[in-house]
Amino acid sequence: MDCVFLRGIRLYGYHGTHIEETRLGQRFELDIEARLDLRPAGESDDLTKGVSYTDLFEVARDVVEGEPLNLIETVAHRVATRTLERFPPVDSVVVEIRKPSAPVQTGGLDHTGVRIERRREAGQ
């Protein structure tokens, strides 16, 4: 399956279960991979036959910079489901979210995160 992807999206949000996360906020990093058949876009040179990078970015920004949520699992799920709702040609989407400044015990850690995949249900 072909895909349109964005790597290393950096946004600021107020998600988490610790009071500091919801009060002070933190940076989130996202990767999105929207899987779809890009042959129609490639053959026609018509953006409407594919998915705009800008529009994918807006979906991520709206969720991450929007309503504070407890879990990044929920953030990832909302990015994925809204991508499928907004872009009918997309068959499946993979969303990875990383928290570079997750409040964990002392020690070295690059980031924590989740990676989810959602597929379009039959009839959607």
PDB file of N, CA and C in Angstrom:
ATOM      1  N   MET A   1       0.853  -1.181   0.000  1.00  0.00           N
ATOM      2  CA  MET A   1       0.000   0.000   0.000  1.00  0.00           C
ATOM      3  C   MET A   1       0.893   1.237   0.000  1.00  0.00           C
ATOM      4  N   ASP A   2       0.499   2.202  -0.793  1.00  0.00           N
ATOM      5  CA  ASP A   2       1.202   3.483  -0.834  1.00  0.00           C
ATOM      6  C   ASP A   2       0.882   4.256   0.444  1.00  0.00           C
ATOM      7  N   CYS A   3       1.646   5.311   0.689  1.00  0.00           N
ATOM      8  CA  CYS A   3       1.334   6.123   1.869  1.00  0.00           C
ATOM      9  C   CYS A   3       1.826   7.551   1.702  1.00  0.00           C
ATOM     10  N   VAL A   4       1.162   8.433   2.406  1.00  0.00           N
ATOM     11  CA  VAL A   4       1.591   9.816   2.597  1.00  0.00           C
ATOM     12  C   VAL A   4       1.994   9.888   4.066  1.00  0.00           C
ATOM     13  N   PHE A   5       3.189  10.415   4.335  1.00  0.00           N
ATOM     14  CA  PHE A   5       3.626  10.429   5.728  1.00  0.00           C
ATOM     15  C   PHE A   5       4.206  11.771   6.129  1.00  0.00           C
ATOM     16  N   LEU A   6       4.092  12.037   7.417  1.00  0.00           N
ATOM     17  CA  LEU A   6       4.717  13.187   8.059  1.00  0.00           C
ATOM     18  C   LEU A   6       5.528  12.632   9.218  1.00  0.00           C
ATOM     19  N   ARG A   7       6.773  13.041   9.330  1.00  0.00           N
ATOM     20  CA  ARG A   7       7.660  12.568  10.390  1.00  0.00           C
ATOM     21  C   ARG A   7       8.158  13.761  11.220  1.00  0.00           C
ATOM     22  N   GLY A   8       8.160  13.573  12.509  1.00  0.00           N
ATOM     23  CA  GLY A   8       8.744  14.585  13.387  1.00  0.00           C
ATOM     24  C   GLY A   8       7.911  15.834  13.579  1.00  0.00           C
ATOM     25  N   ILE A   9       6.584  15.703  13.527  1.00  0.00           N
ATOM     26  CA  ILE A   9       5.721  16.846  13.835  1.00  0.00           C
ATOM     27  C   ILE A   9       5.962  17.209  15.305  1.00  0.00           C
ATOM     28  N   ARG A  10       6.178  18.477  15.584  1.00  0.00           N
ATOM     29  CA  ARG A  10       6.391  18.930  16.957  1.00  0.00           C
ATOM     30  C   ARG A  10       5.286  19.918  17.338  1.00  0.00           C
ATOM     31  N   LEU A  11       4.545  19.565  18.380  1.00  0.00           N
ATOM     32  CA  LEU A  11       3.434  20.391  18.846  1.00  0.00           C
ATOM     33  C   LEU A  11       3.461  20.460  20.370  1.00  0.00           C
ATOM     34  N   TYR A  12       2.765  21.432  20.903  1.00  0.00           N
ATOM     35  CA  TYR A  12       2.714  21.611  22.348  1.00  0.00           C
ATOM     36  C   TYR A  12       1.297  21.359  22.824  1.00  0.00           C
ATOM     37  N   GLY A  13       1.163  20.548  23.876  1.00  0.00           N
ATOM     38  CA  GLY A  13      -0.159  20.236  24.399  1.00  0.00           C
ATOM     39  C   GLY A  13      -0.139  20.044  25.892  1.00  0.00           C
ATOM     40  N   TYR A  14      -1.313  19.773  26.454  1.00  0.00           N
ATOM     41  CA  TYR A  14      -1.498  19.683  27.896  1.00  0.00           C
ATOM     42  C   TYR A  14      -2.077  18.327  28.308  1.00  0.00           C
ATOM     43  N   HIS A  15      -1.564  17.269  27.740  1.00  0.00           N
ATOM     44  CA  HIS A  15      -2.064  15.924  27.984  1.00  0.00           C
ATOM     45  C   HIS A  15      -1.191  15.216  29.016  1.00  0.00           C
ATOM     46  N   GLY A  16      -1.831  14.409  29.850  1.00  0.00           N
ATOM     47  CA  GLY A  16      -1.087  13.623  30.819  1.00  0.00           C
ATOM     48  C   GLY A  16      -1.882  13.406  32.080  1.00  0.00           C
ATOM     49  N   THR A  17      -1.353  12.542  32.919  1.00  0.00           N
ATOM     50  CA  THR A  17      -2.033  12.230  34.175  1.00  0.00           C
ATOM     51  C   THR A  17      -1.410  12.950  35.368  1.00  0.00           C
ATOM     52  N   HIS A  18      -0.250  13.558  35.169  1.00  0.00           N
ATOM     53  CA  HIS A  18       0.397  14.318  36.241  1.00  0.00           C
ATOM     54  C   HIS A  18      -0.058  15.777  36.169  1.00  0.00           C
ATOM     55  N   ILE A  19      -0.280  16.379  37.316  1.00  0.00           N
ATOM     56  CA  ILE A  19      -0.773  17.753  37.383  1.00  0.00           C
ATOM     57  C   ILE A  19       0.129  18.721  36.617  1.00  0.00           C
ATOM     58  N   GLU A  20       1.450  18.498  36.666  1.00  0.00           N
ATOM     59  CA  GLU A  20       2.384  19.375  35.965  1.00  0.00           C
ATOM     60  C   GLU A  20       2.167  19.326  34.449  1.00  0.00           C
ATOM     61  N   GLU A  21       1.825  18.150  33.941  1.00  0.00           N
ATOM     62  CA  GLU A  21       1.608  17.999  32.498  1.00  0.00           C
ATOM     63  C   GLU A  21       0.398  18.806  32.034  1.00  0.00           C
ATOM     64  N   THR A  22      -0.655  18.793  32.830  1.00  0.00           N
ATOM     65  CA  THR A  22      -1.870  19.496  32.429  1.00  0.00           C
ATOM     66  C   THR A  22      -1.808  20.987  32.737  1.00  0.00           C
ATOM     67  N   ARG A  23      -0.961  21.371  33.665  1.00  0.00           N
ATOM     68  CA  ARG A  23      -0.837  22.790  34.019  1.00  0.00           C
ATOM     69  C   ARG A  23       0.220  23.493  33.168  1.00  0.00           C
ATOM     70  N   LEU A  24       1.389  22.852  33.038  1.00  0.00           N
ATOM     71  CA  LEU A  24       2.496  23.476  32.311  1.00  0.00           C
ATOM     72  C   LEU A  24       2.545  23.082  30.841  1.00  0.00           C
ATOM     73  N   GLY A  25       2.019  21.912  30.524  1.00  0.00           N
ATOM     74  CA  GLY A  25       2.090  21.419  29.158  1.00  0.00           C
ATOM     75  C   GLY A  25       3.462  20.869  28.829  1.00  0.00           C
ATOM     76  N   GLN A  26       3.582  20.327  27.620  1.00  0.00           N
ATOM     77  CA  GLN A  26       4.852  19.772  27.172  1.00  0.00           C
ATOM     78  C   GLN A  26       4.833  19.583  25.655  1.00  0.00           C
ATOM     79  N   ARG A  27       5.995  19.306  25.128  1.00  0.00           N
ATOM     80  CA  ARG A  27       6.141  19.073  23.692  1.00  0.00           C
ATOM     81  C   ARG A  27       5.790  17.617  23.376  1.00  0.00           C
ATOM     82  N   PHE A  28       5.125  17.428  22.260  1.00  0.00           N
ATOM     83  CA  PHE A  28       4.822  16.095  21.739  1.00  0.00           C
ATOM     84  C   PHE A  28       5.390  16.004  20.338  1.00  0.00           C
ATOM     85  N   GLU A  29       5.872  14.837  19.975  1.00  0.00           N
ATOM     86  CA  GLU A  29       6.366  14.586  18.622  1.00  0.00           C
ATOM     87  C   GLU A  29       5.497  13.492  18.005  1.00  0.00           C
ATOM     88  N   LEU A  30       5.107  13.688  16.761  1.00  0.00           N
ATOM     89  CA  LEU A  30       4.221  12.740  16.090  1.00  0.00           C
ATOM     90  C   LEU A  30       4.761  12.348  14.731  1.00  0.00           C
ATOM     91  N   ASP A  31       4.452  11.126  14.343  1.00  0.00           N
ATOM     92  CA  ASP A  31       4.621  10.646  12.982  1.00  0.00           C
ATOM     93  C   ASP A  31       3.255  10.134  12.547  1.00  0.00           C
ATOM     94  N   ILE A  32       2.881  10.460  11.329  1.00  0.00           N
ATOM     95  CA  ILE A  32       1.615   9.982  10.772  1.00  0.00           C
ATOM     96  C   ILE A  32       1.905   9.341   9.427  1.00  0.00           C
ATOM     97  N   GLU A  33       1.316   8.180   9.222  1.00  0.00           N
ATOM     98  CA  GLU A  33       1.426   7.485   7.942  1.00  0.00           C
ATOM     99  C   GLU A  33       0.006   7.140   7.489  1.00  0.00           C
ATOM    100  N   ALA A  34      -0.467   7.835   6.454  1.00  0.00           N
ATOM    101  CA  ALA A  34      -1.796   7.591   5.900  1.00  0.00           C
ATOM    102  C   ALA A  34      -1.633   6.682   4.677  1.00  0.00           C
ATOM    103  N   ARG A  35      -2.224   5.500   4.748  1.00  0.00           N
ATOM    104  CA  ARG A  35      -2.067   4.515   3.671  1.00  0.00           C
ATOM    105  C   ARG A  35      -3.265   4.552   2.735  1.00  0.00           C
ATOM    106  N   LEU A  36      -2.957   4.688   1.463  1.00  0.00           N
ATOM    107  CA  LEU A  36      -3.989   4.775   0.430  1.00  0.00           C
ATOM    108  C   LEU A  36      -3.366   4.489  -0.919  1.00  0.00           C
ATOM    109  N   ASP A  37      -4.192   4.272  -1.905  1.00  0.00           N
ATOM    110  CA  ASP A  37      -3.707   4.057  -3.267  1.00  0.00           C
ATOM    111  C   ASP A  37      -3.394   5.417  -3.879  1.00  0.00           C
ATOM    112  N   LEU A  38      -2.130   5.678  -4.144  1.00  0.00           N
ATOM    113  CA  LEU A  38      -1.717   6.966  -4.715  1.00  0.00           C
ATOM    114  C   LEU A  38      -1.638   6.944  -6.240  1.00  0.00           C
ATOM    115  N   ARG A  39      -2.005   5.826  -6.843  1.00  0.00           N
ATOM    116  CA  ARG A  39      -1.983   5.746  -8.306  1.00  0.00           C
ATOM    117  C   ARG A  39      -2.858   6.830  -8.948  1.00  0.00           C
ATOM    118  N   PRO A  40      -4.108   7.042  -8.501  1.00  0.00           N
ATOM    119  CA  PRO A  40      -4.927   8.092  -9.131  1.00  0.00           C
ATOM    120  C   PRO A  40      -4.278   9.474  -9.053  1.00  0.00           C
ATOM    121  N   ALA A  41      -3.671   9.816  -7.925  1.00  0.00           N
ATOM    122  CA  ALA A  41      -2.995  11.115  -7.801  1.00  0.00           C
ATOM    123  C   ALA A  41      -1.763  11.163  -8.695  1.00  0.00           C
ATOM    124  N   GLY A  42      -1.006  10.068  -8.715  1.00  0.00           N
ATOM    125  CA  GLY A  42       0.205  10.027  -9.534  1.00  0.00           C
ATOM    126  C   GLY A  42      -0.085  10.111 -11.021  1.00  0.00           C
ATOM    127  N   GLU A  43      -1.140   9.466 -11.453  1.00  0.00           N
ATOM    128  CA  GLU A  43      -1.476   9.474 -12.890  1.00  0.00           C
ATOM    129  C   GLU A  43      -2.100  10.787 -13.332  1.00  0.00           C
ATOM    130  N   SER A  44      -2.829  11.448 -12.439  1.00  0.00           N
ATOM    131  CA  SER A  44      -3.551  12.667 -12.821  1.00  0.00           C
ATOM    132  C   SER A  44      -2.859  13.960 -12.421  1.00  0.00           C
ATOM    133  N   ASP A  45      -1.866  13.877 -11.516  1.00  0.00           N
ATOM    134  CA  ASP A  45      -1.222  15.065 -10.954  1.00  0.00           C
ATOM    135  C   ASP A  45      -2.257  15.966 -10.276  1.00  0.00           C
ATOM    136  N   ASP A  46      -3.256  15.327  -9.619  1.00  0.00           N
ATOM    137  CA  ASP A  46      -4.381  16.023  -9.008  1.00  0.00           C
ATOM    138  C   ASP A  46      -4.373  15.753  -7.501  1.00  0.00           C
ATOM    139  N   LEU A  47      -4.136  16.795  -6.711  1.00  0.00           N
ATOM    140  CA  LEU A  47      -4.052  16.660  -5.259  1.00  0.00           C
ATOM    141  C   LEU A  47      -5.333  16.100  -4.651  1.00  0.00           C
ATOM    142  N   THR A  48      -6.478  16.391  -5.260  1.00  0.00           N
ATOM    143  CA  THR A  48      -7.741  15.898  -4.705  1.00  0.00           C
ATOM    144  C   THR A  48      -7.865  14.383  -4.771  1.00  0.00           C
ATOM    145  N   LYS A  49      -6.984  13.729  -5.497  1.00  0.00           N
ATOM    146  CA  LYS A  49      -6.997  12.266  -5.588  1.00  0.00           C
ATOM    147  C   LYS A  49      -6.081  11.635  -4.530  1.00  0.00           C
ATOM    148  N   GLY A  50      -5.457  12.467  -3.723  1.00  0.00           N
ATOM    149  CA  GLY A  50      -4.559  11.992  -2.672  1.00  0.00           C
ATOM    150  C   GLY A  50      -4.917  12.643  -1.350  1.00  0.00           C
ATOM    151  N   VAL A  51      -3.912  12.929  -0.537  1.00  0.00           N
ATOM    152  CA  VAL A  51      -4.100  13.578   0.756  1.00  0.00           C
ATOM    153  C   VAL A  51      -3.042  14.663   0.892  1.00  0.00           C
ATOM    154  N   SER A  52      -3.465  15.832   1.281  1.00  0.00           N
ATOM    155  CA  SER A  52      -2.561  16.968   1.465  1.00  0.00           C
ATOM    156  C   SER A  52      -1.788  16.837   2.771  1.00  0.00           C
ATOM    157  N   TYR A  53      -0.472  17.052   2.722  1.00  0.00           N
ATOM    158  CA  TYR A  53       0.352  17.048   3.930  1.00  0.00           C
ATOM    159  C   TYR A  53      -0.152  18.099   4.914  1.00  0.00           C
ATOM    160  N   THR A  54      -0.522  19.259   4.378  1.00  0.00           N
ATOM    161  CA  THR A  54      -1.009  20.357   5.210  1.00  0.00           C
ATOM    162  C   THR A  54      -2.267  19.949   5.959  1.00  0.00           C
ATOM    163  N   ASP A  55      -3.176  19.276   5.281  1.00  0.00           N
ATOM    164  CA  ASP A  55      -4.413  18.844   5.925  1.00  0.00           C
ATOM    165  C   ASP A  55      -4.154  17.786   6.994  1.00  0.00           C
ATOM    166  N   LEU A  56      -3.221  16.869   6.733  1.00  0.00           N
ATOM    167  CA  LEU A  56      -2.855  15.879   7.751  1.00  0.00           C
ATOM    168  C   LEU A  56      -2.257  16.567   8.978  1.00  0.00           C
ATOM    169  N   PHE A  57      -1.406  17.542   8.744  1.00  0.00           N
ATOM    170  CA  PHE A  57      -0.802  18.288   9.845  1.00  0.00           C
ATOM    171  C   PHE A  57      -1.879  18.981  10.678  1.00  0.00           C
ATOM    172  N   GLU A  58      -2.879  19.573  10.000  1.00  0.00           N
ATOM    173  CA  GLU A  58      -3.951  20.275  10.715  1.00  0.00           C
ATOM    174  C   GLU A  58      -4.737  19.339  11.621  1.00  0.00           C
ATOM    175  N   VAL A  59      -4.977  18.116  11.181  1.00  0.00           N
ATOM    176  CA  VAL A  59      -5.670  17.140  12.016  1.00  0.00           C
ATOM    177  C   VAL A  59      -4.867  16.905  13.296  1.00  0.00           C
ATOM    178  N   ALA A  60      -3.569  16.661  13.154  1.00  0.00           N
ATOM    179  CA  ALA A  60      -2.710  16.432  14.316  1.00  0.00           C
ATOM    180  C   ALA A  60      -2.694  17.647  15.231  1.00  0.00           C
ATOM    181  N   ARG A  61      -2.546  18.825  14.658  1.00  0.00           N
ATOM    182  CA  ARG A  61      -2.483  20.060  15.456  1.00  0.00           C
ATOM    183  C   ARG A  61      -3.787  20.280  16.222  1.00  0.00           C
ATOM    184  N   ASP A  62      -4.926  20.069  15.555  1.00  0.00           N
ATOM    185  CA  ASP A  62      -6.214  20.279  16.211  1.00  0.00           C
ATOM    186  C   ASP A  62      -6.373  19.376  17.435  1.00  0.00           C
ATOM    187  N   VAL A  63      -5.913  18.138  17.330  1.00  0.00           N
ATOM    188  CA  VAL A  63      -6.050  17.209  18.452  1.00  0.00           C
ATOM    189  C   VAL A  63      -5.032  17.530  19.553  1.00  0.00           C
ATOM    190  N   VAL A  64      -3.762  17.653  19.186  1.00  0.00           N
ATOM    191  CA  VAL A  64      -2.716  17.846  20.201  1.00  0.00           C
ATOM    192  C   VAL A  64      -2.859  19.192  20.902  1.00  0.00           C
ATOM    193  N   GLU A  65      -3.201  20.238  20.172  1.00  0.00           N
ATOM    194  CA  GLU A  65      -3.334  21.556  20.782  1.00  0.00           C
ATOM    195  C   GLU A  65      -4.742  21.806  21.320  1.00  0.00           C
ATOM    196  N   GLY A  66      -5.614  20.827  21.191  1.00  0.00           N
ATOM    197  CA  GLY A  66      -7.002  20.961  21.637  1.00  0.00           C
ATOM    198  C   GLY A  66      -7.206  20.507  23.066  1.00  0.00           C
ATOM    199  N   GLU A  67      -8.367  19.935  23.299  1.00  0.00           N
ATOM    200  CA  GLU A  67      -8.799  19.492  24.630  1.00  0.00           C
ATOM    201  C   GLU A  67      -7.753  18.636  25.325  1.00  0.00           C
ATOM    202  N   PRO A  68      -7.378  18.987  26.555  1.00  0.00           N
ATOM    203  CA  PRO A  68      -6.431  18.147  27.304  1.00  0.00           C
ATOM    204  C   PRO A  68      -7.019  16.763  27.587  1.00  0.00           C
ATOM    205  N   LEU A  69      -6.194  15.754  27.401  1.00  0.00           N
ATOM    206  CA  LEU A  69      -6.596  14.363  27.621  1.00  0.00           C
ATOM    207  C   LEU A  69      -5.618  13.721  28.588  1.00  0.00           C
ATOM    208  N   ASN A  70      -6.051  12.676  29.257  1.00  0.00           N
ATOM    209  CA  ASN A  70      -5.179  11.981  30.197  1.00  0.00           C
ATOM    210  C   ASN A  70      -4.112  11.147  29.488  1.00  0.00           C
ATOM    211  N   LEU A  71      -4.512  10.428  28.453  1.00  0.00           N
ATOM    212  CA  LEU A  71      -3.634   9.424  27.842  1.00  0.00           C
ATOM    213  C   LEU A  71      -3.213   9.798  26.426  1.00  0.00           C
ATOM    214  N   ILE A  72      -1.943   9.556  26.111  1.00  0.00           N
ATOM    215  CA  ILE A  72      -1.524   9.777  24.729  1.00  0.00           C
ATOM    216  C   ILE A  72      -2.106   8.697  23.815  1.00  0.00           C
ATOM    217  N   GLU A  73      -2.553   7.589  24.394  1.00  0.00           N
ATOM    218  CA  GLU A  73      -3.279   6.592  23.610  1.00  0.00           C
ATOM    219  C   GLU A  73      -4.547   7.215  23.020  1.00  0.00           C
ATOM    220  N   THR A  74      -5.216   8.034  23.818  1.00  0.00           N
ATOM    221  CA  THR A  74      -6.424   8.720  23.354  1.00  0.00           C
ATOM    222  C   THR A  74      -6.074   9.766  22.306  1.00  0.00           C
ATOM    223  N   VAL A  75      -4.989  10.488  22.517  1.00  0.00           N
ATOM    224  CA  VAL A  75      -4.547  11.482  21.536  1.00  0.00           C
ATOM    225  C   VAL A  75      -4.284  10.792  20.197  1.00  0.00           C
ATOM    226  N   ALA A  76      -3.531   9.712  20.219  1.00  0.00           N
ATOM    227  CA  ALA A  76      -3.217   8.979  18.985  1.00  0.00           C
ATOM    228  C   ALA A  76      -4.479   8.445  18.327  1.00  0.00           C
ATOM    229  N   HIS A  77      -5.379   7.888  19.117  1.00  0.00           N
ATOM    230  CA  HIS A  77      -6.634   7.348  18.586  1.00  0.00           C
ATOM    231  C   HIS A  77      -7.445   8.443  17.900  1.00  0.00           C
ATOM    232  N   ARG A  78      -7.519   9.607  18.508  1.00  0.00           N
ATOM    233  CA  ARG A  78      -8.292  10.710  17.900  1.00  0.00           C
ATOM    234  C   ARG A  78      -7.654  11.206  16.609  1.00  0.00           C
ATOM    235  N   VAL A  79      -6.337  11.299  16.579  1.00  0.00           N
ATOM    236  CA  VAL A  79      -5.672  11.694  15.326  1.00  0.00           C
ATOM    237  C   VAL A  79      -5.996  10.674  14.240  1.00  0.00           C
ATOM    238  N   ALA A  80      -5.914   9.407  14.582  1.00  0.00           N
ATOM    239  CA  ALA A  80      -6.170   8.347  13.594  1.00  0.00           C
ATOM    240  C   ALA A  80      -7.612   8.343  13.126  1.00  0.00           C
ATOM    241  N   THR A  81      -8.560   8.390  14.044  1.00  0.00           N
ATOM    242  CA  THR A  81      -9.969   8.316  13.634  1.00  0.00           C
ATOM    243  C   THR A  81     -10.390   9.557  12.864  1.00  0.00           C
ATOM    244  N   ARG A  82      -9.889  10.713  13.237  1.00  0.00           N
ATOM    245  CA  ARG A  82     -10.225  11.939  12.492  1.00  0.00           C
ATOM    246  C   ARG A  82      -9.600  11.926  11.103  1.00  0.00           C
ATOM    247  N   THR A  83      -8.437  11.318  10.982  1.00  0.00           N
ATOM    248  CA  THR A  83      -7.820  11.176   9.656  1.00  0.00           C
ATOM    249  C   THR A  83      -8.706  10.314   8.770  1.00  0.00           C
ATOM    250  N   LEU A  84      -9.176   9.203   9.289  1.00  0.00           N
ATOM    251  CA  LEU A  84     -10.053   8.323   8.505  1.00  0.00           C
ATOM    252  C   LEU A  84     -11.375   9.005   8.185  1.00  0.00           C
ATOM    253  N   GLU A  85     -11.918   9.788   9.103  1.00  0.00           N
ATOM    254  CA  GLU A  85     -13.173  10.499   8.860  1.00  0.00           C
ATOM    255  C   GLU A  85     -13.011  11.586   7.802  1.00  0.00           C
ATOM    256  N   ARG A  86     -11.927  12.308   7.861  1.00  0.00           N
ATOM    257  CA  ARG A  86     -11.739  13.468   6.970  1.00  0.00           C
ATOM    258  C   ARG A  86     -11.275  13.097   5.570  1.00  0.00           C
ATOM    259  N   PHE A  87     -10.575  11.967   5.433  1.00  0.00           N
ATOM    260  CA  PHE A  87      -9.988  11.610   4.140  1.00  0.00           C
ATOM    261  C   PHE A  87     -10.489  10.242   3.686  1.00  0.00           C
ATOM    262  N   PRO A  88     -11.595  10.199   2.963  1.00  0.00           N
ATOM    263  CA  PRO A  88     -12.170   8.916   2.527  1.00  0.00           C
ATOM    264  C   PRO A  88     -11.232   8.010   1.728  1.00  0.00           C
ATOM    265  N   PRO A  89     -10.267   8.533   0.964  1.00  0.00           N
ATOM    266  CA  PRO A  89      -9.380   7.606   0.245  1.00  0.00           C
ATOM    267  C   PRO A  89      -8.428   6.822   1.152  1.00  0.00           C
ATOM    268  N   VAL A  90      -8.231   7.272   2.389  1.00  0.00           N
ATOM    269  CA  VAL A  90      -7.283   6.620   3.297  1.00  0.00           C
ATOM    270  C   VAL A  90      -7.887   5.313   3.804  1.00  0.00           C
ATOM    271  N   ASP A  91      -7.163   4.208   3.588  1.00  0.00           N
ATOM    272  CA  ASP A  91      -7.605   2.883   4.031  1.00  0.00           C
ATOM    273  C   ASP A  91      -7.194   2.589   5.466  1.00  0.00           C
ATOM    274  N   SER A  92      -6.005   3.061   5.850  1.00  0.00           N
ATOM    275  CA  SER A  92      -5.530   2.865   7.219  1.00  0.00           C
ATOM    276  C   SER A  92      -4.542   3.974   7.551  1.00  0.00           C
ATOM    277  N   VAL A  93      -4.327   4.139   8.853  1.00  0.00           N
ATOM    278  CA  VAL A  93      -3.424   5.189   9.313  1.00  0.00           C
ATOM    279  C   VAL A  93      -2.643   4.679  10.515  1.00  0.00           C
ATOM    280  N   VAL A  94      -1.363   5.024  10.547  1.00  0.00           N
ATOM    281  CA  VAL A  94      -0.506   4.710  11.680  1.00  0.00           C
ATOM    282  C   VAL A  94      -0.104   6.040  12.313  1.00  0.00           C
ATOM    283  N   VAL A  95      -0.286   6.131  13.623  1.00  0.00           N
ATOM    284  CA  VAL A  95       0.075   7.343  14.357  1.00  0.00           C
ATOM    285  C   VAL A  95       1.022   6.942  15.482  1.00  0.00           C
ATOM    286  N   GLU A  96       2.162   7.597  15.531  1.00  0.00           N
ATOM    287  CA  GLU A  96       3.102   7.400  16.629  1.00  0.00           C
ATOM    288  C   GLU A  96       3.260   8.727  17.346  1.00  0.00           C
ATOM    289  N   ILE A  97       3.114   8.705  18.664  1.00  0.00           N
ATOM    290  CA  ILE A  97       3.289   9.910  19.478  1.00  0.00           C
ATOM    291  C   ILE A  97       4.369   9.642  20.510  1.00  0.00           C
ATOM    292  N   ARG A  98       5.289  10.604  20.610  1.00  0.00           N
ATOM    293  CA  ARG A  98       6.375  10.505  21.583  1.00  0.00           C
ATOM    294  C   ARG A  98       6.305  11.698  22.541  1.00  0.00           C
ATOM    295  N   LYS A  99       6.631  11.416  23.807  1.00  0.00           N
ATOM    296  CA  LYS A  99       6.738  12.453  24.828  1.00  0.00           C
ATOM    297  C   LYS A  99       8.215  12.529  25.227  1.00  0.00           C
ATOM    298  N   PRO A 100       8.952  13.508  24.688  1.00  0.00           N
ATOM    299  CA  PRO A 100      10.375  13.604  25.018  1.00  0.00           C
ATOM    300  C   PRO A 100      10.647  13.979  26.467  1.00  0.00           C
ATOM    301  N   SER A 101       9.683  14.581  27.131  1.00  0.00           N
ATOM    302  CA  SER A 101       9.900  15.041  28.505  1.00  0.00           C
ATOM    303  C   SER A 101       8.944  14.359  29.474  1.00  0.00           C
ATOM    304  N   ALA A 102       8.686  13.093  29.270  1.00  0.00           N
ATOM    305  CA  ALA A 102       7.761  12.369  30.143  1.00  0.00           C
ATOM    306  C   ALA A 102       8.286  12.348  31.574  1.00  0.00           C
ATOM    307  N   PRO A 103       7.411  12.597  32.549  1.00  0.00           N
ATOM    308  CA  PRO A 103       7.838  12.598  33.954  1.00  0.00           C
ATOM    309  C   PRO A 103       7.961  11.162  34.472  1.00  0.00           C
ATOM    310  N   VAL A 104       9.133  10.604  34.338  1.00  0.00           N
ATOM    311  CA  VAL A 104       9.390   9.246  34.828  1.00  0.00           C
ATOM    312  C   VAL A 104      10.481   9.310  35.892  1.00  0.00           C
ATOM    313  N   GLN A 105      10.759   8.179  36.476  1.00  0.00           N
ATOM    314  CA  GLN A 105      11.795   8.121  37.506  1.00  0.00           C
ATOM    315  C   GLN A 105      13.124   8.632  36.955  1.00  0.00           C
ATOM    316  N   THR A 106      14.024   8.975  37.847  1.00  0.00           N
ATOM    317  CA  THR A 106      15.326   9.483  37.424  1.00  0.00           C
ATOM    318  C   THR A 106      16.063   8.433  36.604  1.00  0.00           C
ATOM    319  N   GLY A 107      16.865   8.908  35.697  1.00  0.00           N
ATOM    320  CA  GLY A 107      17.614   8.030  34.808  1.00  0.00           C
ATOM    321  C   GLY A 107      17.536   8.571  33.394  1.00  0.00           C
ATOM    322  N   GLY A 108      18.203   7.911  32.478  1.00  0.00           N
ATOM    323  CA  GLY A 108      18.225   8.363  31.099  1.00  0.00           C
ATOM    324  C   GLY A 108      17.059   7.799  30.306  1.00  0.00           C
ATOM    325  N   LEU A 109      16.441   8.657  29.502  1.00  0.00           N
ATOM    326  CA  LEU A 109      15.317   8.246  28.676  1.00  0.00           C
ATOM    327  C   LEU A 109      15.159   9.248  27.543  1.00  0.00           C
ATOM    328  N   ASP A 110      15.177   8.766  26.303  1.00  0.00           N
ATOM    329  CA  ASP A 110      14.960   9.668  25.167  1.00  0.00           C
ATOM    330  C   ASP A 110      13.517  10.130  25.101  1.00  0.00           C
ATOM    331  N   HIS A 111      12.590   9.190  25.156  1.00  0.00           N
ATOM    332  CA  HIS A 111      11.176   9.520  25.086  1.00  0.00           C
ATOM    333  C   HIS A 111      10.336   8.280  25.402  1.00  0.00           C
ATOM    334  N   THR A 112       9.079   8.529  25.702  1.00  0.00           N
ATOM    335  CA  THR A 112       8.094   7.466  25.824  1.00  0.00           C
ATOM    336  C   THR A 112       7.094   7.680  24.699  1.00  0.00           C
ATOM    337  N   GLY A 113       6.244   6.703  24.450  1.00  0.00           N
ATOM    338  CA  GLY A 113       5.277   6.926  23.396  1.00  0.00           C
ATOM    339  C   GLY A 113       4.386   5.740  23.123  1.00  0.00           C
ATOM    340  N   VAL A 114       3.508   5.938  22.143  1.00  0.00           N
ATOM    341  CA  VAL A 114       2.616   4.885  21.665  1.00  0.00           C
ATOM    342  C   VAL A 114       2.598   4.919  20.147  1.00  0.00           C
ATOM    343  N   ARG A 115       2.285   3.776  19.595  1.00  0.00           N
ATOM    344  CA  ARG A 115       2.121   3.652  18.141  1.00  0.00           C
ATOM    345  C   ARG A 115       0.858   2.842  17.928  1.00  0.00           C
ATOM    346  N   ILE A 116      -0.084   3.415  17.166  1.00  0.00           N
ATOM    347  CA  ILE A 116      -1.343   2.713  16.902  1.00  0.00           C
ATOM    348  C   ILE A 116      -1.596   2.655  15.401  1.00  0.00           C
ATOM    349  N   GLU A 117      -2.401   1.711  15.007  1.00  0.00           N
ATOM    350  CA  GLU A 117      -2.854   1.623  13.623  1.00  0.00           C
ATOM    351  C   GLU A 117      -4.359   1.438  13.637  1.00  0.00           C
ATOM    352  N   ARG A 118      -5.040   2.207  12.811  1.00  0.00           N
ATOM    353  CA  ARG A 118      -6.487   2.087  12.662  1.00  0.00           C
ATOM    354  C   ARG A 118      -6.800   1.884  11.183  1.00  0.00           C
ATOM    355  N   ARG A 119      -7.750   0.999  10.922  1.00  0.00           N
ATOM    356  CA  ARG A 119      -8.171   0.700   9.549  1.00  0.00           C
ATOM    357  C   ARG A 119      -9.612   1.132   9.357  1.00  0.00           C
ATOM    358  N   ARG A 120      -9.898   1.494   8.134  1.00  0.00           N
ATOM    359  CA  ARG A 120     -11.274   1.842   7.786  1.00  0.00           C
ATOM    360  C   ARG A 120     -12.130   0.590   7.894  1.00  0.00           C
ATOM    361  N   GLU A 121     -13.259   0.716   8.556  1.00  0.00           N
ATOM    362  CA  GLU A 121     -14.188  -0.407   8.703  1.00  0.00           C
ATOM    363  C   GLU A 121     -14.960  -0.569   7.389  1.00  0.00           C
ATOM    364  N   ALA A 122     -15.397  -1.768   7.102  1.00  0.00           N
ATOM    365  CA  ALA A 122     -16.195  -2.019   5.903  1.00  0.00           C
ATOM    366  C   ALA A 122     -17.431  -1.124   5.938  1.00  0.00           C
ATOM    367  N   GLY A 123     -17.702  -0.475   4.816  1.00  0.00           N
ATOM    368  CA  GLY A 123     -18.867   0.388   4.723  1.00  0.00           C
ATOM    369  C   GLY A 123     -18.624   1.841   5.128  1.00  0.00           C
ATOM    370  N   GLN A 124     -17.425   2.165   5.605  1.00  0.00           N
ATOM    371  CA  GLN A 124     -17.123   3.551   5.997  1.00  0.00           C
ATOM    372  C   GLN A 124     -16.798   4.371   4.795  1.00  0.00           C
TER     373      GLN A 124
END
